[in-house]
Protein backbone atom coordinates (compact mmCIF):
# COMPACT_ATOMS: atom_id res chain seq x y z
CA MET A 1 0.00 0.00 0.00
CA PHE A 2 1.28 3.47 -0.92
CA ASN A 3 1.74 4.87 2.59
CA VAL A 4 2.88 8.44 3.27
CA SER A 5 4.22 9.17 6.74
CA PRO A 6 3.85 12.65 8.30
CA ILE A 7 6.67 15.19 8.46
CA LYS A 8 8.58 14.95 11.73
CA ILE A 9 9.35 17.98 13.88
CA ASN A 10 13.08 17.59 13.19
CA GLU A 11 12.40 17.53 9.45
CA LEU A 12 10.34 20.70 9.57
CA ALA A 13 12.98 22.38 11.76
CA ALA A 14 15.67 21.56 9.17
CA ILE A 15 13.50 22.86 6.31
CA LEU A 16 12.77 26.14 8.09
CA GLU A 17 16.25 26.40 9.62
CA ILE A 18 14.93 26.86 13.15
CA THR A 19 15.26 24.75 16.29
CA PRO A 20 12.82 21.91 17.04
CA PRO A 21 11.74 23.44 20.41
CA VAL A 22 10.39 26.50 18.57
CA ILE A 23 8.07 24.27 16.52
CA SER A 24 7.14 22.10 19.49
CA LYS A 25 6.13 25.16 21.49
CA ARG A 26 3.93 26.38 18.64
CA LEU A 27 2.23 22.99 18.28
CA LYS A 28 1.54 22.37 21.98
CA SER A 29 -1.72 24.27 21.76
CA LYS A 30 -2.73 22.56 18.51
CA ASP A 31 -3.44 18.92 19.30
CA GLU A 32 -5.23 18.47 15.98
CA SER A 33 -1.92 19.17 14.18
CA ILE A 34 0.00 16.42 15.97
CA VAL A 35 0.26 12.74 15.06
CA LYS A 36 0.89 10.56 18.12
CA SER A 37 1.70 6.92 18.75
CA ASN A 38 1.67 5.55 22.31
CA ASN A 39 1.40 9.14 23.55
CA ARG A 40 4.59 10.05 21.67
CA ILE A 41 4.66 12.70 18.94
CA ILE A 42 5.72 11.06 15.67
CA GLY A 43 4.90 13.84 13.23
CA ILE A 44 2.75 16.74 12.08
CA THR A 45 -0.40 16.34 10.00
CA PRO A 46 -0.53 17.80 6.47
CA GLU A 47 -3.16 20.21 7.80
CA GLY A 48 -0.75 21.35 10.52
CA ILE A 49 2.10 21.74 8.04
CA GLU A 50 0.00 23.84 5.65
CA GLU A 51 -1.23 26.06 8.48
CA TYR A 52 2.36 26.51 9.70
CA PHE A 53 3.71 27.43 6.25
CA ARG A 54 0.85 29.85 5.61
CA SER A 55 1.43 31.52 8.98
CA ARG A 56 5.02 32.15 7.88
CA GLY A 57 3.98 33.90 4.66
CA GLN A 58 4.37 30.90 2.32
CA GLU A 59 0.87 31.01 0.81
CA HIS A 60 2.35 30.65 -2.70
CA LEU A 61 3.15 27.00 -1.92
CA TYR A 62 -0.58 26.33 -2.10
CA LYS A 63 -1.40 27.75 -5.51
CA THR A 64 -2.76 25.39 -8.14
CA PHE A 65 0.29 23.55 -9.49
CA PHE A 66 0.91 21.23 -12.45
CA ALA A 67 4.21 19.45 -13.16
CA VAL A 68 5.13 17.26 -16.13
CA ILE A 69 8.02 14.84 -15.55
CA SER A 70 9.56 13.65 -18.79
CA SER A 71 12.67 11.96 -20.14
CA VAL A 72 13.82 10.71 -23.53
CA CYS A 73 15.56 7.68 -22.03
CA GLY A 74 14.56 5.11 -19.46
CA GLY A 75 16.29 4.53 -16.15
CA THR A 76 16.40 8.18 -15.07
CA GLN A 77 13.99 7.62 -12.13
CA LYS A 78 11.24 9.49 -13.94
CA SER A 79 8.40 7.42 -12.48
CA SER A 80 10.13 7.15 -9.09
CA SER A 81 10.45 10.93 -9.02
CA SER A 82 6.81 11.41 -10.03
CA LEU A 83 5.69 9.20 -7.15
CA ALA A 84 8.09 10.74 -4.64
CA LEU A 85 7.01 14.29 -5.51
CA MET A 86 3.35 13.28 -5.28
CA ALA A 87 3.91 11.82 -1.81
CA SER A 88 5.97 14.83 -0.74
CA ALA A 89 3.16 17.16 -1.83
CA ARG A 90 0.69 15.14 0.24
CA ARG A 91 2.82 15.66 3.34
CA ILE A 92 2.67 19.46 3.15
CA THR A 93 -0.86 20.00 1.76
CA SER A 94 -4.10 19.80 3.76
CA ARG A 95 -6.23 16.81 2.81
CA GLN A 96 -9.43 18.42 4.04
CA ARG A 97 -9.81 21.72 2.22
CA LYS A 98 -11.31 22.04 -1.26
CA GLY A 99 -8.43 22.03 -3.68
CA GLY A 100 -6.30 19.87 -1.40
CA ALA A 101 -6.22 16.93 -3.81
CA ILE A 102 -2.93 15.48 -5.05
CA VAL A 103 -3.26 13.79 -8.47
CA LEU A 104 -0.88 11.73 -10.58
CA ILE A 105 -1.64 11.22 -14.28
CA ASP A 106 0.07 8.14 -15.70
CA THR A 107 0.29 8.53 -19.49
CA ASP A 108 2.83 5.72 -19.93
CA SER A 109 1.32 2.50 -21.31
CA GLN A 110 3.88 0.53 -19.26
CA SER A 111 1.83 1.64 -16.21
CA SER A 112 4.63 1.46 -13.62
CA SER A 113 3.27 4.39 -11.59
CA THR A 114 -0.25 2.97 -11.72
CA GLU A 115 1.00 -0.41 -10.56
CA THR A 116 2.79 1.16 -7.59
CA LEU A 117 -0.22 3.25 -6.56
CA LEU A 118 -2.99 0.70 -7.19
CA GLY A 119 -1.18 -2.63 -7.14
CA ALA A 120 -1.80 -3.34 -10.83
CA PRO A 121 -2.47 -1.53 -14.12
CA ILE A 122 -6.06 -0.50 -14.82
CA PRO A 123 -7.93 -3.71 -15.82
CA GLU A 124 -8.81 -4.26 -19.45
CA GLY A 125 -12.32 -3.03 -20.14
CA LYS A 126 -12.00 -0.15 -17.66
CA PRO A 127 -11.59 3.33 -19.16
CA VAL A 128 -8.22 5.11 -19.18
CA LEU A 129 -6.97 8.46 -20.45
CA ILE A 130 -7.31 7.64 -24.14
CA ASN A 131 -11.00 6.84 -23.63
CA TYR A 132 -11.59 10.19 -21.93
CA LEU A 133 -9.87 12.09 -24.72
CA GLU A 134 -12.02 10.20 -27.24
CA GLY A 135 -15.14 11.38 -25.37
CA LYS A 136 -16.15 7.84 -24.37
CA CYS A 137 -16.21 8.38 -20.58
CA SER A 138 -16.23 11.06 -17.89
CA LEU A 139 -13.32 12.30 -15.78
CA GLU A 140 -14.79 10.50 -12.76
CA ASP A 141 -14.61 7.23 -14.71
CA ILE A 142 -10.82 7.41 -14.97
CA LEU A 143 -10.03 8.73 -11.48
CA SER A 144 -9.08 6.17 -8.83
CA PRO A 145 -8.37 6.90 -5.14
CA VAL A 146 -4.94 5.94 -3.84
CA GLY A 147 -5.67 4.07 -0.62
CA ASP A 148 -8.31 5.57 1.65
CA PRO A 149 -10.23 8.33 -0.21
CA SER A 150 -9.88 10.52 2.90
CA GLU A 151 -6.18 10.84 2.03
CA ASN A 152 -7.33 12.79 -1.06
CA MET A 153 -4.71 11.26 -3.35
CA TRP A 154 -5.84 10.21 -6.82
CA VAL A 155 -4.46 8.63 -9.95
CA ILE A 156 -5.57 8.68 -13.55
CA GLY A 157 -4.23 5.22 -14.16
CA SER A 158 -2.89 3.59 -17.27
CA ASN A 159 -2.76 0.31 -19.13
CA LEU A 160 -1.63 -0.87 -22.57
CA ASN A 161 -4.55 0.89 -24.24
CA ASN A 162 -2.79 4.22 -23.71
CA VAL A 163 -0.37 3.17 -26.45
CA PHE A 164 -3.05 4.66 -28.76
CA LEU A 165 -2.55 8.15 -27.28
CA GLU A 166 -0.07 8.93 -30.05
CA LYS A 167 -2.59 7.97 -32.71
CA HIS A 168 -5.28 10.15 -31.12
CA ILE A 169 -3.08 13.17 -30.33
CA SER A 170 -1.83 13.67 -33.87
CA SER A 171 -3.11 16.92 -35.40
CA PRO A 172 -1.73 20.33 -34.35
CA SER A 173 -5.05 21.20 -32.73
CA GLN A 174 -5.05 17.98 -30.70
CA ILE A 175 -1.44 18.44 -29.65
CA LYS A 176 -2.20 21.94 -28.43
CA ASN A 177 -5.48 21.25 -26.66
CA SER A 178 -5.85 17.57 -25.63
CA MET A 179 -4.02 17.61 -22.29
CA LYS A 180 -5.18 21.15 -21.50
CA LYS A 181 -8.70 19.71 -21.60
CA VAL A 182 -7.68 17.16 -18.94
CA PHE A 183 -5.95 19.80 -16.80
CA ASP A 184 -8.97 22.12 -16.93
CA ALA A 185 -11.31 19.26 -15.99
CA LEU A 186 -9.19 18.42 -12.93
CA ILE A 187 -9.27 22.01 -11.68
CA LEU A 188 -13.03 22.14 -12.20
CA HIS A 189 -13.50 18.81 -10.40
CA PHE A 190 -11.20 19.32 -7.39
CA GLY A 191 -10.98 23.12 -7.12
CA ASP A 192 -8.15 25.65 -7.10
CA GLY A 193 -5.09 24.61 -5.11
CA ILE A 194 -4.72 21.06 -6.45
CA LYS A 195 -1.28 19.67 -7.24
CA VAL A 196 -0.98 17.47 -10.33
CA PHE A 197 2.01 15.42 -11.49
CA VAL A 198 2.14 13.86 -14.97
CA ASP A 199 4.34 10.80 -15.49
CA THR A 200 5.10 10.44 -19.21
CA ALA A 201 6.54 7.70 -21.41
CA PRO A 202 10.34 7.86 -21.96
CA GLN A 203 10.27 9.44 -25.41
CA LEU A 204 9.62 12.63 -27.33
CA SER A 205 5.94 12.12 -28.05
CA ASN A 206 2.81 13.98 -29.07
CA CYS A 207 1.43 13.36 -25.59
CA VAL A 208 4.46 15.03 -23.96
CA SER A 209 4.12 17.91 -26.42
CA SER A 210 0.44 18.26 -25.54
CA CYS A 211 1.32 18.28 -21.83
CA LEU A 212 3.86 21.06 -22.36
CA ALA A 213 1.44 23.13 -24.44
CA GLY A 214 -1.12 22.63 -21.68
CA LEU A 215 1.36 23.82 -19.05
CA SER A 216 2.13 26.95 -21.05
CA MET A 217 -1.55 27.85 -21.41
CA LEU A 218 -2.18 27.19 -17.71
CA GLN A 219 0.70 29.51 -16.90
CA GLN A 220 -0.97 32.25 -18.94
CA GLU A 221 -3.99 31.80 -16.66
CA GLY A 222 -1.92 32.31 -13.50
CA VAL A 223 -1.35 28.65 -12.59
CA SER A 224 2.07 27.56 -11.28
CA VAL A 225 3.67 25.02 -13.63
CA ALA A 226 6.94 23.14 -14.03
CA HIS A 227 8.59 20.86 -16.58
CA LEU A 228 10.90 18.46 -14.74
CA LEU A 229 13.73 16.57 -16.41
CA PRO A 230 15.50 13.94 -14.24
CA ASN A 231 19.08 13.25 -15.33
CA ARG A 232 21.15 10.23 -14.36
CA GLY A 233 24.34 11.90 -15.64
CA ASP A 234 25.47 9.75 -18.58
CA SER A 235 25.98 11.26 -22.03
CA PHE A 236 22.73 9.81 -23.41
CA SER A 237 20.69 11.31 -20.58
CA ILE A 238 22.40 14.70 -20.98
CA SER A 239 21.84 14.68 -24.75
CA GLY A 240 18.24 13.54 -24.25
CA ASN A 241 17.46 16.40 -21.89
CA THR A 242 19.06 18.84 -24.34
CA TYR A 243 16.83 17.51 -27.13
CA SER A 244 13.80 17.72 -24.85
CA ILE A 245 14.35 21.41 -24.13
CA ASN A 246 15.06 22.25 -27.77
CA GLU A 247 11.95 20.37 -28.91
CA ARG A 248 9.88 22.09 -26.22
CA ASP A 249 11.08 25.49 -27.39
CA GLU A 250 10.21 24.71 -31.03
CA LEU A 251 6.78 23.45 -30.01
CA LEU A 252 5.90 26.54 -27.99
CA GLU A 253 7.23 28.81 -30.72
CA THR A 254 5.02 27.01 -33.25
CA PHE A 255 1.93 27.68 -31.12
CA ASN A 256 3.13 31.16 -30.07
CA LEU A 257 3.08 30.14 -26.41
CA PRO A 258 5.39 31.39 -23.61
CA GLU A 259 8.29 29.36 -22.22
CA VAL A 260 7.54 26.88 -19.44
CA PRO A 261 9.74 26.90 -16.29
CA THR A 262 12.04 23.89 -16.57
CA THR A 263 14.11 22.16 -13.90
CA VAL A 264 16.84 19.65 -14.70
CA PHE A 265 17.91 17.65 -11.65
CA LEU A 266 20.38 14.86 -10.99
CA SER A 267 18.27 11.90 -9.91
CA CYS A 268 21.02 9.67 -8.51
CA TYR A 269 23.94 11.69 -7.16
CA ASP A 270 26.61 9.80 -5.25
CA ALA A 271 29.04 12.17 -3.53
CA ARG A 272 31.33 9.22 -2.74
CA LEU A 273 32.18 8.85 -6.43
CA LYS A 274 34.48 11.24 -8.28
CA VAL A 275 32.38 10.70 -11.41
CA SER A 276 29.48 12.55 -9.76
CA VAL A 277 31.58 15.71 -9.65
CA GLU A 278 32.49 15.21 -13.31
CA ILE A 279 28.82 14.80 -14.19
CA MET A 280 27.95 18.07 -12.49
CA LYS A 281 30.74 19.78 -14.43
CA LYS A 282 29.36 18.41 -17.73
CA LEU A 283 25.90 19.71 -16.91
CA LEU A 284 27.26 23.14 -16.01
CA GLU A 285 29.20 23.23 -19.30
CA ASN A 286 26.06 22.43 -21.32
CA LYS A 287 24.74 25.83 -22.45
CA VAL A 288 21.17 24.52 -22.82
CA LEU A 289 20.95 22.68 -19.49
CA GLU A 290 23.01 24.79 -17.10
CA LYS A 291 20.47 27.61 -16.84
CA HIS A 292 17.79 25.07 -15.84
CA LEU A 293 19.95 23.04 -13.44
CA SER A 294 18.52 22.50 -9.96
CA PRO A 295 20.72 23.18 -6.91
CA VAL A 296 18.90 20.26 -5.30
CA VAL A 297 20.07 16.77 -6.28
CA ILE A 298 18.63 13.40 -5.31
CA ARG A 299 21.39 11.59 -3.48
CA TYR A 300 21.83 7.88 -4.10
CA CYS A 301 19.72 5.91 -1.64
CA SER A 302 18.65 2.26 -1.67
CA ALA A 303 15.32 3.37 -0.12
CA VAL A 304 14.12 4.38 -3.61
CA ALA A 305 14.65 0.89 -5.02
CA GLN A 306 13.11 -0.68 -1.91
CA ALA A 307 10.05 1.55 -2.20
CA ASN A 308 9.64 0.59 -5.87
CA LEU A 309 9.96 -3.09 -5.03
CA SER A 310 7.40 -2.93 -2.22
CA LYS A 311 5.09 -0.59 -4.20
CA THR A 312 5.02 2.09 -1.55
CA SER A 313 6.45 5.60 -1.11
CA ILE A 314 9.85 6.62 0.18
CA TYR A 315 7.96 8.35 3.01
CA THR A 316 7.38 5.29 5.14
CA GLY A 317 9.38 4.63 8.26
CA LYS A 318 12.60 6.48 8.96
CA THR A 319 13.86 9.54 7.14
CA THR A 320 16.44 8.94 4.38
CA SER A 321 18.56 11.12 2.14
CA ALA A 322 16.09 10.52 -0.70
CA SER A 323 13.06 11.56 1.35
CA ASP A 324 14.88 14.71 2.50
CA ASP A 325 15.98 15.50 -1.05
CA TYR A 326 12.60 15.04 -2.74
CA THR A 327 10.96 17.25 -0.12
CA GLN A 328 13.57 19.92 -0.78
CA LEU A 329 13.21 19.50 -4.56
CA LEU A 330 9.44 20.00 -4.35
CA LEU A 331 9.85 23.10 -2.20
CA TYR A 332 12.48 24.46 -4.62
CA ILE A 333 10.13 23.97 -7.59
CA LEU A 334 7.27 25.62 -5.68
CA GLY A 335 9.46 28.66 -4.94
CA PHE A 336 10.39 28.14 -1.29
CA GLU A 337 13.28 30.51 -0.67
CA ALA A 338 15.40 28.37 1.66
CA ALA A 339 15.47 25.46 -0.84
CA VAL A 340 17.22 27.62 -3.45
CA LYS A 341 20.51 27.04 -1.63
CA GLY A 342 20.30 23.39 -2.58
CA ASN A 343 21.99 20.38 -1.03
CA VAL A 344 25.14 19.84 -3.11
C-alpha cells in the first residue's frame, strides 16, 4: 500500500532552519496538528504543516500547481520521481480543504506508476486516459483513489490501451489542446489549489508535447507550472534532456506560447564517487541545461529501489537522504526561498 508518513518535527525544523523546540512550542496548543503513537509525537499532519507554512507567509506553496516529468531515455527515475514528488506534496498539503487533492496522471502505457499506486495496471475493459480524450467516458470514470479516499490522493491510471494516445493526439489542434482539456477538468472537479504530477513515457511524443502546451496555457492563466527533467548523468541522458528542451522550445514557438519553467535535476547523485563531480561539471558546461539546473540533487539511496519493489512511497518509516531531497526539490520547484541554496 502506498503509505505516506507525516513530516517529523526535526524535518520541519531543518527545512525552516529553526530549532525543534520553537516548533514544538507552537504545536503544543494545537493537538489536531500532531500525530501521536503511544502518547509520543511522531509527526505533524498535512493540515498542521499547511497552516504553519501559511502563517510564515508561504501562501504561494498552495497555488494550483501542475508538473510534467519527462525523459527521452529510461532509467532516469522518472516514475520514481513522479511518485516521490506526489507523496511529498501530500505531506505538506491539507487533505481536508477544497483544492487539497494530489493527483498523478500516468500517461505511460507501461503503467509502472499505476501499478505502484494501485497494485496493478487499470484492468482491461475499464476506461483510461485515451477513452476520456475520445469522449467515451467522464473524468470521474478514470479517477481512482490511492488508498483511503480521505487521504485525497488520486491517480488517472494507465494500461496498454494508452499506447493509442499517439494515434489520437496527432493533429496540431489535438497536440495543443488535448491535455489542456484534462488539466482544466481536474481544476473544475477538485478546485483551485490542487497539485498534479504527470508521469510520461520515456520518449519525445505527441502526448508530452500536448502536456507542455497545456502547461504553457495554464501559466498564462496564473497557474504555477513546471517541466521536470531527471538526469542520471550519462551522455545519453544529458543529450536527451538537451533535445527535450530544444523540442519544447520549437513546439511553444510554433503555437506562439510562452516558455515553461524547466528544472533539470540529478536523480542519482553519489558524492562518494568522483564521477558525480564530473557529471555536475558536464551539466554546467552544457549551455542549454546549465540555466535550468537545480541546486537540489537526489542523493543515491537504496530506499528508492526498496520503495519501488514494495510498491510504496519513500515516506514510510525512517527519514532517508532521498526523502529529504525530494521534499527539498518539491519546495524548490514551488518557490520556497530556503530550498534555493540546494543540497550539493
